[in-house]
Amino acid sequence: MNCPPGMVYQTDECLLLLKTLYGLIQAARHYFNFFSKILIGIGFQQSPADPCLFLFMNAMGIMLVIVYVDDAGLAYSSYALVEFLFNELKKRQINYTVENDLTDYLSCEILFNKSSTKA
């Protein structure tokens, strides 16, 4: 990593980053820790089997959130839970993008059987 243009520095000095930079190895771990604390603070429980899986249950239903670096996937029994999560993220000024047609996650193809329904 090079110093910004115009910065005066000695050749034997090093810089301390105050924020993580996207693309650095540490950035993924920092983001995961940051997002995990938010989910746990909202009331999610981290799975002992997979630390990337978070579970939330209440009277409205159940929601699973899988987090990998800066991507997350949701599975839920009630859309009210999704609205709850999105409202909590907005309160914490977390920006997110919603992709409704999930066809691929971590190089795994996702297939939905839209003709199958539960009665």
N, C-alpha and C. Protein backbone atom coordinates (compact mmCIF):
# COMPACT_ATOMS: atom_id res chain seq x y z
N MET A 1 0.85 -1.17 0.00
CA MET A 1 0.00 0.00 0.00
C MET A 1 0.90 1.23 0.00
N ASN A 2 0.58 2.19 -0.82
CA ASN A 2 1.37 3.42 -0.91
C ASN A 2 0.66 4.55 -0.18
N CYS A 3 1.46 5.51 0.26
CA CYS A 3 0.91 6.70 0.90
C CYS A 3 0.23 7.57 -0.16
N PRO A 4 -0.78 8.34 0.25
CA PRO A 4 -1.45 9.22 -0.71
C PRO A 4 -0.50 10.26 -1.28
N PRO A 5 -0.71 10.70 -2.52
CA PRO A 5 0.15 11.72 -3.12
C PRO A 5 0.16 12.99 -2.26
N GLY A 6 1.33 13.57 -2.10
CA GLY A 6 1.48 14.81 -1.34
C GLY A 6 1.73 14.59 0.14
N MET A 7 1.62 13.36 0.62
CA MET A 7 1.85 13.09 2.04
C MET A 7 3.34 13.00 2.31
N VAL A 8 3.78 13.71 3.32
CA VAL A 8 5.19 13.69 3.71
C VAL A 8 5.38 12.58 4.74
N TYR A 9 6.32 11.68 4.49
CA TYR A 9 6.56 10.57 5.40
C TYR A 9 8.00 10.11 5.31
N GLN A 10 8.44 9.43 6.35
CA GLN A 10 9.77 8.82 6.37
C GLN A 10 9.65 7.40 5.83
N THR A 11 10.71 6.90 5.24
CA THR A 11 10.66 5.56 4.64
C THR A 11 10.52 4.46 5.68
N ASP A 12 10.90 4.72 6.94
CA ASP A 12 10.80 3.69 7.98
C ASP A 12 9.51 3.81 8.80
N GLU A 13 8.58 4.66 8.37
CA GLU A 13 7.32 4.83 9.08
C GLU A 13 6.25 3.90 8.50
N CYS A 14 5.28 3.58 9.32
CA CYS A 14 4.13 2.83 8.83
C CYS A 14 2.87 3.61 9.18
N LEU A 15 1.79 3.29 8.51
CA LEU A 15 0.52 3.98 8.71
C LEU A 15 -0.44 3.09 9.47
N LEU A 16 -1.27 3.72 10.30
CA LEU A 16 -2.30 3.01 11.03
C LEU A 16 -3.64 3.34 10.38
N LEU A 17 -4.34 2.30 9.90
CA LEU A 17 -5.65 2.52 9.29
C LEU A 17 -6.69 2.69 10.38
N LEU A 18 -7.50 3.72 10.27
CA LEU A 18 -8.56 3.96 11.24
C LEU A 18 -9.85 3.26 10.85
N LYS A 19 -9.98 2.89 9.59
CA LYS A 19 -11.12 2.14 9.08
C LYS A 19 -10.59 1.05 8.17
N THR A 20 -11.38 -0.01 8.04
CA THR A 20 -10.96 -1.04 7.08
C THR A 20 -11.27 -0.57 5.67
N LEU A 21 -10.49 -1.02 4.74
CA LEU A 21 -10.68 -0.68 3.34
C LEU A 21 -11.19 -1.91 2.59
N TYR A 22 -12.20 -1.70 1.76
CA TYR A 22 -12.74 -2.80 0.99
C TYR A 22 -11.63 -3.43 0.16
N GLY A 23 -11.54 -4.74 0.21
CA GLY A 23 -10.53 -5.44 -0.57
C GLY A 23 -9.36 -5.94 0.27
N LEU A 24 -9.16 -5.36 1.46
CA LEU A 24 -8.11 -5.85 2.33
C LEU A 24 -8.56 -7.13 3.01
N ILE A 25 -7.62 -7.98 3.34
CA ILE A 25 -7.95 -9.26 3.97
C ILE A 25 -8.72 -9.06 5.26
N GLN A 26 -8.33 -8.07 6.04
CA GLN A 26 -8.97 -7.83 7.34
C GLN A 26 -10.39 -7.28 7.20
N ALA A 27 -10.73 -6.70 6.07
CA ALA A 27 -12.04 -6.06 5.88
C ALA A 27 -13.18 -7.06 6.03
N ALA A 28 -13.03 -8.25 5.49
CA ALA A 28 -14.09 -9.25 5.56
C ALA A 28 -14.36 -9.64 7.02
N ARG A 29 -13.32 -9.87 7.77
CA ARG A 29 -13.48 -10.24 9.18
C ARG A 29 -14.09 -9.09 9.98
N HIS A 30 -13.64 -7.88 9.71
CA HIS A 30 -14.17 -6.72 10.41
C HIS A 30 -15.66 -6.55 10.12
N TYR A 31 -16.06 -6.67 8.87
CA TYR A 31 -17.46 -6.52 8.51
C TYR A 31 -18.30 -7.61 9.15
N PHE A 32 -17.83 -8.86 9.11
CA PHE A 32 -18.58 -9.95 9.71
C PHE A 32 -18.78 -9.71 11.20
N ASN A 33 -17.73 -9.31 11.90
CA ASN A 33 -17.85 -9.02 13.34
C ASN A 33 -18.83 -7.87 13.58
N PHE A 34 -18.76 -6.83 12.77
CA PHE A 34 -19.65 -5.68 12.88
C PHE A 34 -21.10 -6.10 12.68
N PHE A 35 -21.38 -6.84 11.61
CA PHE A 35 -22.74 -7.24 11.29
C PHE A 35 -23.27 -8.27 12.29
N SER A 36 -22.41 -9.17 12.76
CA SER A 36 -22.81 -10.16 13.76
C SER A 36 -23.28 -9.48 15.04
N LYS A 37 -22.56 -8.48 15.48
CA LYS A 37 -22.94 -7.75 16.70
C LYS A 37 -24.30 -7.09 16.53
N ILE A 38 -24.58 -6.57 15.35
CA ILE A 38 -25.88 -5.96 15.09
C ILE A 38 -26.98 -7.01 15.17
N LEU A 39 -26.79 -8.15 14.50
CA LEU A 39 -27.82 -9.19 14.51
C LEU A 39 -28.05 -9.71 15.93
N ILE A 40 -27.00 -9.96 16.67
CA ILE A 40 -27.14 -10.45 18.04
C ILE A 40 -27.82 -9.39 18.91
N GLY A 41 -27.50 -8.12 18.67
CA GLY A 41 -28.14 -7.03 19.41
C GLY A 41 -29.63 -6.92 19.14
N ILE A 42 -30.05 -7.31 17.95
CA ILE A 42 -31.47 -7.28 17.58
C ILE A 42 -32.21 -8.46 18.23
N GLY A 43 -31.48 -9.52 18.54
CA GLY A 43 -32.12 -10.69 19.16
C GLY A 43 -31.87 -11.99 18.44
N PHE A 44 -31.02 -11.99 17.43
CA PHE A 44 -30.68 -13.23 16.73
C PHE A 44 -29.74 -14.06 17.59
N GLN A 45 -29.79 -15.36 17.39
CA GLN A 45 -28.85 -16.27 18.04
C GLN A 45 -27.93 -16.85 16.99
N GLN A 46 -26.64 -16.89 17.30
CA GLN A 46 -25.66 -17.44 16.37
C GLN A 46 -25.64 -18.95 16.53
N SER A 47 -25.66 -19.65 15.41
CA SER A 47 -25.66 -21.11 15.43
C SER A 47 -24.33 -21.65 15.96
N PRO A 48 -24.39 -22.61 16.88
CA PRO A 48 -23.13 -23.22 17.32
C PRO A 48 -22.52 -24.12 16.25
N ALA A 49 -23.35 -24.60 15.31
CA ALA A 49 -22.86 -25.47 14.24
C ALA A 49 -22.17 -24.69 13.14
N ASP A 50 -22.68 -23.49 12.84
CA ASP A 50 -22.10 -22.65 11.78
C ASP A 50 -22.19 -21.21 12.24
N PRO A 51 -21.06 -20.58 12.55
CA PRO A 51 -21.09 -19.20 13.06
C PRO A 51 -21.60 -18.18 12.05
N CYS A 52 -21.75 -18.56 10.80
CA CYS A 52 -22.29 -17.65 9.78
C CYS A 52 -23.81 -17.68 9.72
N LEU A 53 -24.44 -18.57 10.47
CA LEU A 53 -25.89 -18.73 10.46
C LEU A 53 -26.48 -18.12 11.73
N PHE A 54 -27.50 -17.27 11.55
CA PHE A 54 -28.17 -16.61 12.66
C PHE A 54 -29.65 -16.94 12.61
N LEU A 55 -30.25 -17.16 13.79
CA LEU A 55 -31.63 -17.58 13.91
C LEU A 55 -32.40 -16.58 14.78
N PHE A 56 -33.61 -16.25 14.33
CA PHE A 56 -34.50 -15.37 15.10
C PHE A 56 -35.88 -16.00 15.13
N MET A 57 -36.44 -16.15 16.33
CA MET A 57 -37.79 -16.70 16.48
C MET A 57 -38.59 -15.82 17.42
N ASN A 58 -39.83 -15.58 17.06
CA ASN A 58 -40.77 -14.93 17.96
C ASN A 58 -42.18 -15.33 17.54
N ALA A 59 -43.20 -14.65 18.06
CA ALA A 59 -44.59 -15.01 17.75
C ALA A 59 -44.91 -14.87 16.26
N MET A 60 -44.17 -14.00 15.54
CA MET A 60 -44.44 -13.81 14.11
C MET A 60 -43.92 -14.96 13.27
N GLY A 61 -42.95 -15.72 13.79
CA GLY A 61 -42.39 -16.82 13.03
C GLY A 61 -40.90 -16.99 13.25
N ILE A 62 -40.25 -17.50 12.23
CA ILE A 62 -38.82 -17.79 12.30
C ILE A 62 -38.12 -17.18 11.09
N MET A 63 -36.88 -16.70 11.32
CA MET A 63 -36.08 -16.17 10.22
C MET A 63 -34.65 -16.66 10.39
N LEU A 64 -34.06 -17.09 9.31
CA LEU A 64 -32.66 -17.49 9.26
C LEU A 64 -31.90 -16.49 8.40
N VAL A 65 -30.73 -16.09 8.87
CA VAL A 65 -29.87 -15.20 8.09
C VAL A 65 -28.51 -15.87 8.00
N ILE A 66 -28.05 -16.08 6.78
CA ILE A 66 -26.71 -16.62 6.55
C ILE A 66 -25.85 -15.47 6.04
N VAL A 67 -24.69 -15.28 6.66
CA VAL A 67 -23.82 -14.15 6.33
C VAL A 67 -22.47 -14.69 5.85
N TYR A 68 -22.02 -14.19 4.73
CA TYR A 68 -20.69 -14.54 4.22
C TYR A 68 -20.05 -13.26 3.70
N VAL A 69 -19.02 -12.81 4.37
CA VAL A 69 -18.29 -11.58 4.08
C VAL A 69 -19.29 -10.42 4.05
N ASP A 70 -19.66 -9.92 2.88
CA ASP A 70 -20.59 -8.79 2.83
C ASP A 70 -21.89 -9.16 2.12
N ASP A 71 -22.21 -10.44 2.09
CA ASP A 71 -23.45 -10.93 1.50
C ASP A 71 -24.27 -11.63 2.58
N ALA A 72 -25.57 -11.57 2.45
CA ALA A 72 -26.45 -12.26 3.39
C ALA A 72 -27.64 -12.82 2.63
N GLY A 73 -28.10 -13.96 3.08
CA GLY A 73 -29.30 -14.59 2.53
C GLY A 73 -30.32 -14.77 3.65
N LEU A 74 -31.59 -14.57 3.33
CA LEU A 74 -32.65 -14.69 4.32
C LEU A 74 -33.60 -15.81 3.95
N ALA A 75 -34.06 -16.52 4.95
CA ALA A 75 -35.16 -17.47 4.82
C ALA A 75 -36.10 -17.16 5.97
N TYR A 76 -37.38 -17.01 5.67
CA TYR A 76 -38.30 -16.54 6.71
C TYR A 76 -39.68 -17.14 6.51
N SER A 77 -40.43 -17.19 7.60
CA SER A 77 -41.79 -17.73 7.54
C SER A 77 -42.83 -16.62 7.42
N SER A 78 -42.43 -15.38 7.71
CA SER A 78 -43.37 -14.26 7.66
C SER A 78 -42.64 -13.01 7.16
N TYR A 79 -43.26 -12.32 6.21
CA TYR A 79 -42.63 -11.10 5.70
C TYR A 79 -42.54 -10.02 6.77
N ALA A 80 -43.36 -10.10 7.80
CA ALA A 80 -43.29 -9.14 8.91
C ALA A 80 -41.92 -9.19 9.58
N LEU A 81 -41.31 -10.37 9.61
CA LEU A 81 -39.96 -10.50 10.18
C LEU A 81 -38.93 -9.77 9.32
N VAL A 82 -39.09 -9.84 8.02
CA VAL A 82 -38.17 -9.14 7.11
C VAL A 82 -38.31 -7.64 7.32
N GLU A 83 -39.54 -7.16 7.41
CA GLU A 83 -39.76 -5.73 7.66
C GLU A 83 -39.13 -5.31 8.99
N PHE A 84 -39.27 -6.17 10.01
CA PHE A 84 -38.65 -5.91 11.31
C PHE A 84 -37.13 -5.77 11.15
N LEU A 85 -36.50 -6.72 10.45
CA LEU A 85 -35.05 -6.69 10.26
C LEU A 85 -34.63 -5.45 9.49
N PHE A 86 -35.31 -5.14 8.40
CA PHE A 86 -34.95 -3.96 7.60
C PHE A 86 -35.11 -2.67 8.39
N ASN A 87 -36.15 -2.58 9.21
CA ASN A 87 -36.32 -1.39 10.05
C ASN A 87 -35.19 -1.26 11.07
N GLU A 88 -34.77 -2.38 11.64
CA GLU A 88 -33.67 -2.35 12.61
C GLU A 88 -32.36 -1.93 11.93
N LEU A 89 -32.15 -2.41 10.70
CA LEU A 89 -30.93 -2.04 9.97
C LEU A 89 -30.95 -0.55 9.61
N LYS A 90 -32.12 -0.04 9.23
CA LYS A 90 -32.25 1.39 8.91
C LYS A 90 -31.97 2.25 10.13
N LYS A 91 -32.45 1.82 11.31
CA LYS A 91 -32.19 2.55 12.55
C LYS A 91 -30.69 2.70 12.80
N ARG A 92 -29.94 1.69 12.40
CA ARG A 92 -28.49 1.67 12.62
C ARG A 92 -27.73 2.21 11.40
N GLN A 93 -28.47 2.78 10.46
CA GLN A 93 -27.93 3.38 9.24
C GLN A 93 -27.08 2.41 8.44
N ILE A 94 -27.56 1.17 8.33
CA ILE A 94 -26.90 0.14 7.54
C ILE A 94 -27.53 0.14 6.15
N ASN A 95 -26.72 0.33 5.14
CA ASN A 95 -27.20 0.30 3.76
C ASN A 95 -27.22 -1.14 3.26
N TYR A 96 -28.23 -1.48 2.51
CA TYR A 96 -28.33 -2.83 1.95
C TYR A 96 -29.03 -2.77 0.60
N THR A 97 -28.82 -3.80 -0.18
CA THR A 97 -29.49 -3.95 -1.47
C THR A 97 -30.26 -5.26 -1.43
N VAL A 98 -31.49 -5.23 -1.89
CA VAL A 98 -32.33 -6.43 -1.89
C VAL A 98 -32.41 -6.95 -3.32
N GLU A 99 -32.07 -8.21 -3.47
CA GLU A 99 -32.22 -8.90 -4.75
C GLU A 99 -33.27 -9.98 -4.55
N ASN A 100 -34.42 -9.80 -5.17
CA ASN A 100 -35.54 -10.71 -4.94
C ASN A 100 -35.37 -12.06 -5.64
N ASP A 101 -34.73 -12.09 -6.77
CA ASP A 101 -34.58 -13.32 -7.53
C ASP A 101 -33.22 -13.94 -7.27
N LEU A 102 -33.11 -14.66 -6.18
CA LEU A 102 -31.86 -15.31 -5.82
C LEU A 102 -31.69 -16.57 -6.65
N THR A 103 -30.70 -16.57 -7.52
CA THR A 103 -30.44 -17.73 -8.36
C THR A 103 -29.07 -18.33 -8.08
N ASP A 104 -28.22 -17.57 -7.38
CA ASP A 104 -26.85 -18.02 -7.15
C ASP A 104 -26.37 -17.41 -5.84
N TYR A 105 -25.77 -18.21 -4.97
CA TYR A 105 -25.19 -17.70 -3.73
C TYR A 105 -23.91 -18.48 -3.47
N LEU A 106 -22.79 -17.77 -3.43
CA LEU A 106 -21.48 -18.37 -3.20
C LEU A 106 -21.20 -19.50 -4.19
N SER A 107 -21.51 -19.23 -5.44
CA SER A 107 -21.30 -20.17 -6.55
C SER A 107 -22.16 -21.43 -6.45
N CYS A 108 -23.22 -21.38 -5.66
CA CYS A 108 -24.17 -22.48 -5.59
C CYS A 108 -25.44 -22.04 -6.31
N GLU A 109 -25.93 -22.87 -7.19
CA GLU A 109 -27.15 -22.55 -7.92
C GLU A 109 -28.36 -22.79 -7.01
N ILE A 110 -29.25 -21.84 -6.95
CA ILE A 110 -30.46 -21.92 -6.12
C ILE A 110 -31.64 -22.18 -7.04
N LEU A 111 -32.38 -23.25 -6.78
CA LEU A 111 -33.56 -23.59 -7.57
C LEU A 111 -34.77 -23.58 -6.67
N PHE A 112 -35.84 -22.95 -7.14
CA PHE A 112 -37.10 -22.89 -6.41
C PHE A 112 -38.15 -23.67 -7.17
N ASN A 113 -38.96 -24.43 -6.44
CA ASN A 113 -40.09 -25.13 -7.03
C ASN A 113 -41.32 -24.29 -6.75
N LYS A 114 -41.67 -23.40 -7.68
CA LYS A 114 -42.78 -22.47 -7.47
C LYS A 114 -44.14 -23.15 -7.54
N SER A 115 -44.20 -24.36 -8.08
CA SER A 115 -45.48 -25.06 -8.13
C SER A 115 -45.78 -25.80 -6.82
N SER A 116 -44.78 -25.92 -5.98
CA SER A 116 -44.97 -26.61 -4.70
C SER A 116 -45.44 -25.62 -3.64
N THR A 117 -46.54 -25.94 -2.98
CA THR A 117 -47.04 -25.08 -1.91
C THR A 117 -47.45 -25.92 -0.73
N LYS A 118 -47.45 -25.32 0.43
CA LYS A 118 -47.93 -26.01 1.63
C LYS A 118 -49.38 -25.62 1.87
N ALA A 119 -50.16 -26.55 2.29
CA ALA A 119 -51.57 -26.27 2.57
C ALA A 119 -51.76 -25.88 4.02
